[in-house]
Each structure stands twice: as C-alpha cells, then as structure tokens.
Amino acid sequence: MLDQTNLEGYTAVHYAGFRGHITTLKILQKYEADIVKTNALNMTLLHLSAQSDQVTTILYLHHYSFNFNAKDAKGSTPLHWACFSGSEKTV
C-alpha cells in the first residue's frame, strides 16, 4: 500500500519529497516504502525535489547515493528541472 501509485505514477514518497517533508519520508522508509521508485515519466524523487526547490530533501537523498544525472522520459536531469522551475537554491 505504501508504494501504491496514482494515475501519473506518483507515490506518497514523491509527494513528501516534493513538499520537503523529511520526517514523513523517514516514516515511510521505516515501513519500507520505495524511495527510488520513478513516476510514469521516469522522474525520480530527486527530479521532483529539484523541481520544487526542496534543498533539504536533496541533501537527505544525497546520503542514499541518488544519481544526480538521472534522466526522465524526456531526457531531463534534476538540474534541468531546477533551472526550468526557477529553483535557485537547488541550482
């Protein structure tokens, strides 16, 4: 149930990371939610965190060896999303 997706492939982990809720991420991980799962567009939690300028989430994910060069379905990296979204702190 923790890894259940909506129609766009988002999980609870994706929403928690997008909003910068580290405590929620930790609770989800405690109950073995998949933090590396991608959405329907092959976006990782790192892509979503960069898009929403959530530096705290990005630093948290750094400890889990996330691929900062991962590409989504359209070939965009988290840095591309940060630039596109105006996420200055993330850049």
Protein backbone atom coordinates (compact mmCIF):
# COMPACT_ATOMS: atom_id res chain seq x y z
CA MET A 1 0.00 0.00 0.00
CA LEU A 2 2.88 2.42 0.71
CA ASP A 3 4.09 2.22 -2.89
CA GLN A 4 0.64 2.50 -4.45
CA THR A 5 0.65 4.99 -7.33
CA ASN A 6 -1.92 7.40 -8.67
CA LEU A 7 -2.69 7.67 -12.40
CA GLU A 8 0.53 9.63 -13.05
CA GLY A 9 2.68 7.16 -11.13
CA TYR A 10 3.23 9.29 -8.03
CA THR A 11 3.56 7.65 -4.61
CA ALA A 12 3.34 9.07 -1.10
CA VAL A 13 7.15 9.28 -1.13
CA HIS A 14 7.05 11.52 -4.20
CA TYR A 15 4.60 13.93 -2.58
CA ALA A 16 6.50 14.02 0.72
CA GLY A 17 9.77 14.76 -1.07
CA PHE A 18 8.19 17.35 -3.34
CA ARG A 19 6.98 19.23 -0.26
CA GLY A 20 10.21 18.75 1.73
CA HIS A 21 8.67 16.65 4.48
CA ILE A 22 11.75 14.77 5.68
CA THR A 23 10.02 13.40 8.79
CA THR A 24 7.34 11.87 6.59
CA LEU A 25 10.00 10.40 4.28
CA LYS A 26 11.72 8.81 7.27
CA ILE A 27 8.45 7.29 8.49
CA LEU A 28 7.67 5.93 5.01
CA GLN A 29 11.17 4.45 4.78
CA LYS A 30 10.80 2.90 8.22
CA TYR A 31 7.85 0.96 6.83
CA GLU A 32 9.87 0.07 3.71
CA ALA A 33 8.40 2.45 1.14
CA ASP A 34 10.43 2.53 -2.08
CA ILE A 35 12.28 5.87 -2.26
CA VAL A 36 13.87 5.08 -5.64
CA LYS A 37 10.61 4.36 -7.47
CA THR A 38 10.04 6.56 -10.52
CA ASN A 39 6.75 8.02 -11.72
CA ALA A 40 5.14 7.45 -15.12
CA LEU A 41 7.55 9.95 -16.71
CA ASN A 42 10.58 8.19 -15.17
CA MET A 43 11.14 11.07 -12.76
CA THR A 44 12.88 10.20 -9.51
CA LEU A 45 12.33 11.75 -6.12
CA LEU A 46 15.41 13.84 -6.89
CA HIS A 47 13.78 15.27 -10.04
CA LEU A 48 10.68 16.22 -8.08
CA SER A 49 12.65 17.75 -5.21
CA ALA A 50 14.72 19.84 -7.62
CA GLN A 51 11.56 20.98 -9.38
CA SER A 52 10.08 22.24 -6.11
CA ASP A 53 13.34 23.74 -4.75
CA GLN A 54 13.47 21.39 -1.76
CA VAL A 55 17.15 21.57 -0.84
CA THR A 56 16.54 19.73 2.42
CA THR A 57 15.12 16.75 0.55
CA ILE A 58 18.01 16.81 -1.94
CA LEU A 59 20.57 16.80 0.87
CA TYR A 60 18.70 13.94 2.52
CA LEU A 61 18.76 11.95 -0.74
CA HIS A 62 22.48 12.60 -1.16
CA HIS A 63 23.06 10.08 1.65
CA TYR A 64 21.33 7.42 -0.44
CA SER A 65 23.62 7.79 -3.46
CA PHE A 66 20.91 9.03 -5.81
CA ASN A 67 22.06 9.54 -9.38
CA PHE A 68 22.15 13.31 -9.84
CA ASN A 69 22.49 12.76 -13.61
CA ALA A 70 19.42 10.52 -13.93
CA LYS A 71 17.26 11.36 -16.93
CA ASP A 72 13.49 11.30 -17.06
CA ALA A 73 11.45 10.11 -20.06
CA LYS A 74 12.24 13.31 -21.97
CA GLY A 75 15.96 13.27 -21.16
CA SER A 76 15.85 15.92 -18.43
CA THR A 77 18.04 15.70 -15.32
CA PRO A 78 17.19 17.13 -11.89
CA LEU A 79 19.33 20.16 -12.77
CA HIS A 80 17.24 20.75 -15.90
CA TRP A 81 14.09 20.70 -13.77
CA ALA A 82 15.59 23.04 -11.18
CA CYS A 83 16.53 25.55 -13.88
CA PHE A 84 13.17 25.26 -15.64
CA SER A 85 11.27 25.75 -12.38
CA GLY A 86 13.37 28.65 -11.11
CA SER A 87 14.62 26.64 -8.16
CA GLU A 88 17.55 28.92 -7.36
CA LYS A 89 18.53 27.31 -4.04
CA THR A 90 18.67 23.90 -5.68
CA VAL A 91 20.82 25.09 -8.57
